């Protein structure tokens, strides 16, 4: 089952981050290897779809993260540039 949430934080040096589920609850950890598009670094508040996996004796983690089309600061920046000229 795919869940959705927004990136709470991402440390590009360590390749780790947290995502906050749209439906509430605790933020889930994820790593660079969990991103479907590893070359694209996630931005804070960018919306992602993800699956969950149980690790370390019951802790949940986000896996298979995929950015949602039309979401995040990248699109907003592109639209602002297009309007400016």
C-alpha atoms as a PDB file:
ATOM      1  CA  UNK A   1       0.000   0.000   0.000  1.00  0.00           C
ATOM      2  CA  UNK A   2       1.384   3.380  -0.982  1.00  0.00           C
ATOM      3  CA  UNK A   3       1.410   6.147   1.613  1.00  0.00           C
ATOM      4  CA  UNK A   4       2.035   9.846   1.072  1.00  0.00           C
ATOM      5  CA  UNK A   5       3.894  12.437   3.073  1.00  0.00           C
ATOM      6  CA  UNK A   6       6.198  15.441   2.994  1.00  0.00           C
ATOM      7  CA  UNK A   7       9.934  15.512   3.536  1.00  0.00           C
ATOM      8  CA  UNK A   8      10.654  16.827   7.030  1.00  0.00           C
ATOM      9  CA  UNK A   9      14.441  16.828   6.691  1.00  0.00           C
ATOM     10  CA  UNK A  10      17.227  15.463   4.501  1.00  0.00           C
ATOM     11  CA  UNK A  11      20.979  15.437   5.197  1.00  0.00           C
ATOM     12  CA  UNK A  12      22.739  15.078   1.848  1.00  0.00           C
ATOM     13  CA  UNK A  13      26.111  14.423   3.510  1.00  0.00           C
ATOM     14  CA  UNK A  14      24.777  11.404   5.405  1.00  0.00           C
ATOM     15  CA  UNK A  15      22.140  10.434   2.840  1.00  0.00           C
ATOM     16  CA  UNK A  16      19.418  10.158   5.481  1.00  0.00           C
ATOM     17  CA  UNK A  17      16.150  11.922   6.102  1.00  0.00           C
ATOM     18  CA  UNK A  18      12.695  11.899   7.649  1.00  0.00           C
ATOM     19  CA  UNK A  19       9.254  12.007   6.040  1.00  0.00           C
ATOM     20  CA  UNK A  20       6.055  13.084   7.835  1.00  0.00           C
ATOM     21  CA  UNK A  21       2.996  10.993   6.873  1.00  0.00           C
ATOM     22  CA  UNK A  22      -0.001  12.940   5.487  1.00  0.00           C
ATOM     23  CA  UNK A  23      -2.299  10.912   7.740  1.00  0.00           C
ATOM     24  CA  UNK A  24      -0.401  11.859  10.887  1.00  0.00           C
ATOM     25  CA  UNK A  25       1.814   9.875  13.176  1.00  0.00           C
ATOM     26  CA  UNK A  26       5.538   9.851  13.781  1.00  0.00           C
ATOM     27  CA  UNK A  27       7.974  10.840  11.035  1.00  0.00           C
ATOM     28  CA  UNK A  28       9.648   7.878   9.336  1.00  0.00           C
ATOM     29  CA  UNK A  29      13.348   7.554   8.576  1.00  0.00           C
ATOM     30  CA  UNK A  30      14.658   6.814   5.097  1.00  0.00           C
ATOM     31  CA  UNK A  31      18.031   6.591   3.391  1.00  0.00           C
ATOM     32  CA  UNK A  32      19.395   7.518  -0.019  1.00  0.00           C
ATOM     33  CA  UNK A  33      19.030   3.884  -1.106  1.00  0.00           C
ATOM     34  CA  UNK A  34      15.282   4.106  -0.398  1.00  0.00           C
ATOM     35  CA  UNK A  35      14.814   6.813  -3.064  1.00  0.00           C
ATOM     36  CA  UNK A  36      13.608   5.500  -6.418  1.00  0.00           C
ATOM     37  CA  UNK A  37      15.485   8.334  -8.139  1.00  0.00           C
ATOM     38  CA  UNK A  38      18.720   8.394  -6.143  1.00  0.00           C
ATOM     39  CA  UNK A  39      20.239  11.176  -8.250  1.00  0.00           C
ATOM     40  CA  UNK A  40      17.447  13.560  -7.207  1.00  0.00           C
ATOM     41  CA  UNK A  41      17.816  14.844  -3.651  1.00  0.00           C
ATOM     42  CA  UNK A  42      14.532  15.490  -1.845  1.00  0.00           C
ATOM     43  CA  UNK A  43      13.651  18.991  -0.657  1.00  0.00           C
ATOM     44  CA  UNK A  44      11.958  19.898   2.629  1.00  0.00           C
ATOM     45  CA  UNK A  45       8.150  19.981   2.202  1.00  0.00           C
ATOM     46  CA  UNK A  46       8.322  18.085  -1.103  1.00  0.00           C
ATOM     47  CA  UNK A  47       5.543  15.475  -1.313  1.00  0.00           C
ATOM     48  CA  UNK A  48       6.530  11.835  -1.856  1.00  0.00           C
ATOM     49  CA  UNK A  49       4.733   8.533  -2.168  1.00  0.00           C
ATOM     50  CA  UNK A  50       6.319   5.670  -0.246  1.00  0.00           C
ATOM     51  CA  UNK A  51       5.924   2.173   1.150  1.00  0.00           C
ATOM     52  CA  UNK A  52       6.817   1.120   4.676  1.00  0.00           C
ATOM     53  CA  UNK A  53       8.985  -1.665   6.026  1.00  0.00           C
ATOM     54  CA  UNK A  54       9.457  -2.973   9.546  1.00  0.00           C
ATOM     55  CA  UNK A  55      13.059  -2.896  10.794  1.00  0.00           C
ATOM     56  CA  UNK A  56      14.956  -3.162  14.076  1.00  0.00           C
ATOM     57  CA  UNK A  57      12.358  -5.078  16.046  1.00  0.00           C
ATOM     58  CA  UNK A  58       9.236  -3.241  14.964  1.00  0.00           C
ATOM     59  CA  UNK A  59      10.363   0.253  13.952  1.00  0.00           C
ATOM     60  CA  UNK A  60       8.844   1.432  10.679  1.00  0.00           C
ATOM     61  CA  UNK A  61      10.865   3.034   7.893  1.00  0.00           C
ATOM     62  CA  UNK A  62       9.911   4.596   4.558  1.00  0.00           C
ATOM     63  CA  UNK A  63      11.105   2.763   1.431  1.00  0.00           C
ATOM     64  CA  UNK A  64      10.591   3.090  -2.335  1.00  0.00           C
ATOM     65  CA  UNK A  65      10.141   6.881  -2.130  1.00  0.00           C
ATOM     66  CA  UNK A  66       8.909   8.497  -5.332  1.00  0.00           C
ATOM     67  CA  UNK A  67       8.388  12.242  -5.810  1.00  0.00           C
ATOM     68  CA  UNK A  68       4.827  13.192  -6.674  1.00  0.00           C
ATOM     69  CA  UNK A  69       4.385  14.988  -9.996  1.00  0.00           C
ATOM     70  CA  UNK A  70       3.498  18.647  -9.718  1.00  0.00           C
ATOM     71  CA  UNK A  71       4.651  18.901  -6.095  1.00  0.00           C
ATOM     72  CA  UNK A  72       7.533  20.507  -4.336  1.00  0.00           C
ATOM     73  CA  UNK A  73       9.596  23.636  -4.720  1.00  0.00           C
ATOM     74  CA  UNK A  74      11.058  22.647  -8.098  1.00  0.00           C
ATOM     75  CA  UNK A  75       7.774  23.179  -9.928  1.00  0.00           C
ATOM     76  CA  UNK A  76       7.042  26.409  -8.075  1.00  0.00           C
ATOM     77  CA  UNK A  77      10.452  27.801  -9.030  1.00  0.00           C
ATOM     78  CA  UNK A  78       9.917  26.839 -12.681  1.00  0.00           C
ATOM     79  CA  UNK A  79       6.523  28.519 -12.752  1.00  0.00           C
ATOM     80  CA  UNK A  80       7.920  31.703 -11.172  1.00  0.00           C
ATOM     81  CA  UNK A  81      10.715  31.858 -13.756  1.00  0.00           C
ATOM     82  CA  UNK A  82       8.238  31.355 -16.608  1.00  0.00           C
ATOM     83  CA  UNK A  83       6.110  34.241 -15.349  1.00  0.00           C
ATOM     84  CA  UNK A  84       9.130  36.548 -15.034  1.00  0.00           C
ATOM     85  CA  UNK A  85      10.135  36.208 -18.582  1.00  0.00           C
END
